[in-house]
């Protein structure tokens, strides 16, 4: 699973700078996953940040977020269609 993490949102939730690393535990959940939570782990954190344009319902409201791409290895029990929107929590430290 590929995740695009917003650096500002991560920093606000963690109370400090973006701290993502290989081996960190992750959990994937969302209403489209029938209320289940699936474990995973970070296997790749891209070294370069990029812009991701975000569009709201109003045409005049567009903003760009700085994002870093993170790859999460999911267990065999996880199955979802490509492009499904989910929530991902990445835990500090290693497993």
C-alpha atoms as a PDB file:
ATOM      1  CA  UNK A   1       0.000   0.000   0.000  1.00  0.00           C
ATOM      2  CA  UNK A   2       1.324   3.440  -0.917  1.00  0.00           C
ATOM      3  CA  UNK A   3       0.514   6.332   1.426  1.00  0.00           C
ATOM      4  CA  UNK A   4       1.045  10.031   0.799  1.00  0.00           C
ATOM      5  CA  UNK A   5       1.630  11.553   4.237  1.00  0.00           C
ATOM      6  CA  UNK A   6       1.069  15.288   4.751  1.00  0.00           C
ATOM      7  CA  UNK A   7       4.115  16.570   6.662  1.00  0.00           C
ATOM      8  CA  UNK A   8       2.182  19.310   8.507  1.00  0.00           C
ATOM      9  CA  UNK A   9      -0.594  16.985   9.676  1.00  0.00           C
ATOM     10  CA  UNK A  10       1.926  14.425  10.913  1.00  0.00           C
ATOM     11  CA  UNK A  11       3.931  17.095  12.751  1.00  0.00           C
ATOM     12  CA  UNK A  12       0.803  18.489  14.423  1.00  0.00           C
ATOM     13  CA  UNK A  13      -0.367  15.066  15.577  1.00  0.00           C
ATOM     14  CA  UNK A  14       3.065  14.079  16.850  1.00  0.00           C
ATOM     15  CA  UNK A  15       3.947  17.423  18.412  1.00  0.00           C
ATOM     16  CA  UNK A  16       7.213  17.651  16.495  1.00  0.00           C
ATOM     17  CA  UNK A  17       8.908  17.209  13.133  1.00  0.00           C
ATOM     18  CA  UNK A  18       8.028  14.477  10.677  1.00  0.00           C
ATOM     19  CA  UNK A  19       9.559  11.240  11.980  1.00  0.00           C
ATOM     20  CA  UNK A  20       8.838   8.291   9.716  1.00  0.00           C
ATOM     21  CA  UNK A  21      11.136   5.319   9.397  1.00  0.00           C
ATOM     22  CA  UNK A  22      11.354   1.807   8.022  1.00  0.00           C
ATOM     23  CA  UNK A  23      10.064  -0.793  10.467  1.00  0.00           C
ATOM     24  CA  UNK A  24       7.446   1.381  12.158  1.00  0.00           C
ATOM     25  CA  UNK A  25       4.119  -0.302  12.851  1.00  0.00           C
ATOM     26  CA  UNK A  26       1.101   0.914  10.909  1.00  0.00           C
ATOM     27  CA  UNK A  27      -2.632   0.343  11.156  1.00  0.00           C
ATOM     28  CA  UNK A  28      -5.063   0.729   8.280  1.00  0.00           C
ATOM     29  CA  UNK A  29      -8.772   1.240   8.874  1.00  0.00           C
ATOM     30  CA  UNK A  30     -11.733   3.043   7.373  1.00  0.00           C
ATOM     31  CA  UNK A  31     -15.448   2.839   6.880  1.00  0.00           C
ATOM     32  CA  UNK A  32     -14.893   1.107   3.536  1.00  0.00           C
ATOM     33  CA  UNK A  33     -13.123  -1.756   5.337  1.00  0.00           C
ATOM     34  CA  UNK A  34     -16.247  -2.826   7.248  1.00  0.00           C
ATOM     35  CA  UNK A  35     -14.988  -1.499  10.588  1.00  0.00           C
ATOM     36  CA  UNK A  36     -11.887  -3.701  10.620  1.00  0.00           C
ATOM     37  CA  UNK A  37      -8.344  -2.562  11.414  1.00  0.00           C
ATOM     38  CA  UNK A  38      -5.411  -4.228   9.650  1.00  0.00           C
ATOM     39  CA  UNK A  39      -1.771  -4.228  10.795  1.00  0.00           C
ATOM     40  CA  UNK A  40       1.136  -3.372   8.531  1.00  0.00           C
ATOM     41  CA  UNK A  41       4.656  -1.998   8.675  1.00  0.00           C
ATOM     42  CA  UNK A  42       6.579   0.740   6.905  1.00  0.00           C
ATOM     43  CA  UNK A  43       9.010  -0.691   4.342  1.00  0.00           C
ATOM     44  CA  UNK A  44       9.938   2.437   2.331  1.00  0.00           C
ATOM     45  CA  UNK A  45       9.996   6.161   3.116  1.00  0.00           C
ATOM     46  CA  UNK A  46      10.861   8.322   0.105  1.00  0.00           C
ATOM     47  CA  UNK A  47      13.646  10.807   0.747  1.00  0.00           C
ATOM     48  CA  UNK A  48      12.124  13.581  -1.382  1.00  0.00           C
ATOM     49  CA  UNK A  49       8.944  15.471  -0.571  1.00  0.00           C
ATOM     50  CA  UNK A  50       6.575  16.584  -3.297  1.00  0.00           C
ATOM     51  CA  UNK A  51       3.501  18.709  -3.805  1.00  0.00           C
ATOM     52  CA  UNK A  52       0.034  17.203  -3.948  1.00  0.00           C
ATOM     53  CA  UNK A  53      -2.776  19.492  -5.080  1.00  0.00           C
ATOM     54  CA  UNK A  54      -5.925  19.180  -2.995  1.00  0.00           C
ATOM     55  CA  UNK A  55      -9.276  20.290  -4.379  1.00  0.00           C
ATOM     56  CA  UNK A  56     -12.313  21.119  -2.291  1.00  0.00           C
ATOM     57  CA  UNK A  57     -15.873  21.431  -3.531  1.00  0.00           C
ATOM     58  CA  UNK A  58     -15.393  25.123  -4.283  1.00  0.00           C
ATOM     59  CA  UNK A  59     -13.454  25.731  -7.494  1.00  0.00           C
ATOM     60  CA  UNK A  60     -11.629  28.664  -5.918  1.00  0.00           C
ATOM     61  CA  UNK A  61     -10.333  26.554  -3.026  1.00  0.00           C
ATOM     62  CA  UNK A  62      -7.251  24.675  -4.071  1.00  0.00           C
ATOM     63  CA  UNK A  63      -4.135  24.197  -2.043  1.00  0.00           C
ATOM     64  CA  UNK A  64      -0.955  22.185  -2.327  1.00  0.00           C
ATOM     65  CA  UNK A  65       0.337  20.046   0.524  1.00  0.00           C
ATOM     66  CA  UNK A  66       3.894  18.857   0.979  1.00  0.00           C
ATOM     67  CA  UNK A  67       3.710  15.081   1.081  1.00  0.00           C
ATOM     68  CA  UNK A  68       6.157  12.241   1.492  1.00  0.00           C
ATOM     69  CA  UNK A  69       5.428   8.864  -0.062  1.00  0.00           C
ATOM     70  CA  UNK A  70       5.457   5.895   2.314  1.00  0.00           C
ATOM     71  CA  UNK A  71       5.063   2.231   1.351  1.00  0.00           C
ATOM     72  CA  UNK A  72       3.371  -0.019   3.878  1.00  0.00           C
ATOM     73  CA  UNK A  73       3.579  -3.790   3.720  1.00  0.00           C
ATOM     74  CA  UNK A  74       0.231  -5.288   4.626  1.00  0.00           C
ATOM     75  CA  UNK A  75      -0.527  -8.741   5.978  1.00  0.00           C
ATOM     76  CA  UNK A  76      -2.193 -11.460   3.906  1.00  0.00           C
ATOM     77  CA  UNK A  77      -5.596 -10.769   5.469  1.00  0.00           C
ATOM     78  CA  UNK A  78      -5.744  -7.293   3.893  1.00  0.00           C
ATOM     79  CA  UNK A  79      -7.560  -6.994   0.590  1.00  0.00           C
ATOM     80  CA  UNK A  80      -8.869  -3.771  -0.931  1.00  0.00           C
ATOM     81  CA  UNK A  81      -9.391  -2.373  -4.419  1.00  0.00           C
ATOM     82  CA  UNK A  82      -6.746  -0.041  -5.836  1.00  0.00           C
ATOM     83  CA  UNK A  83      -7.535   3.578  -5.018  1.00  0.00           C
ATOM     84  CA  UNK A  84      -9.697   2.861  -1.973  1.00  0.00           C
ATOM     85  CA  UNK A  85      -9.498   5.725   0.531  1.00  0.00           C
ATOM     86  CA  UNK A  86      -8.469   4.540   3.999  1.00  0.00           C
ATOM     87  CA  UNK A  87      -7.063   5.988   7.221  1.00  0.00           C
ATOM     88  CA  UNK A  88      -3.513   5.062   8.170  1.00  0.00           C
ATOM     89  CA  UNK A  89      -1.871   5.423  11.589  1.00  0.00           C
ATOM     90  CA  UNK A  90       1.901   5.050  11.780  1.00  0.00           C
ATOM     91  CA  UNK A  91       3.261   4.449  15.272  1.00  0.00           C
ATOM     92  CA  UNK A  92       6.505   5.900  16.609  1.00  0.00           C
ATOM     93  CA  UNK A  93       9.385   3.546  17.209  1.00  0.00           C
ATOM     94  CA  UNK A  94       9.883   0.058  15.846  1.00  0.00           C
ATOM     95  CA  UNK A  95       7.740  -3.040  16.349  1.00  0.00           C
END
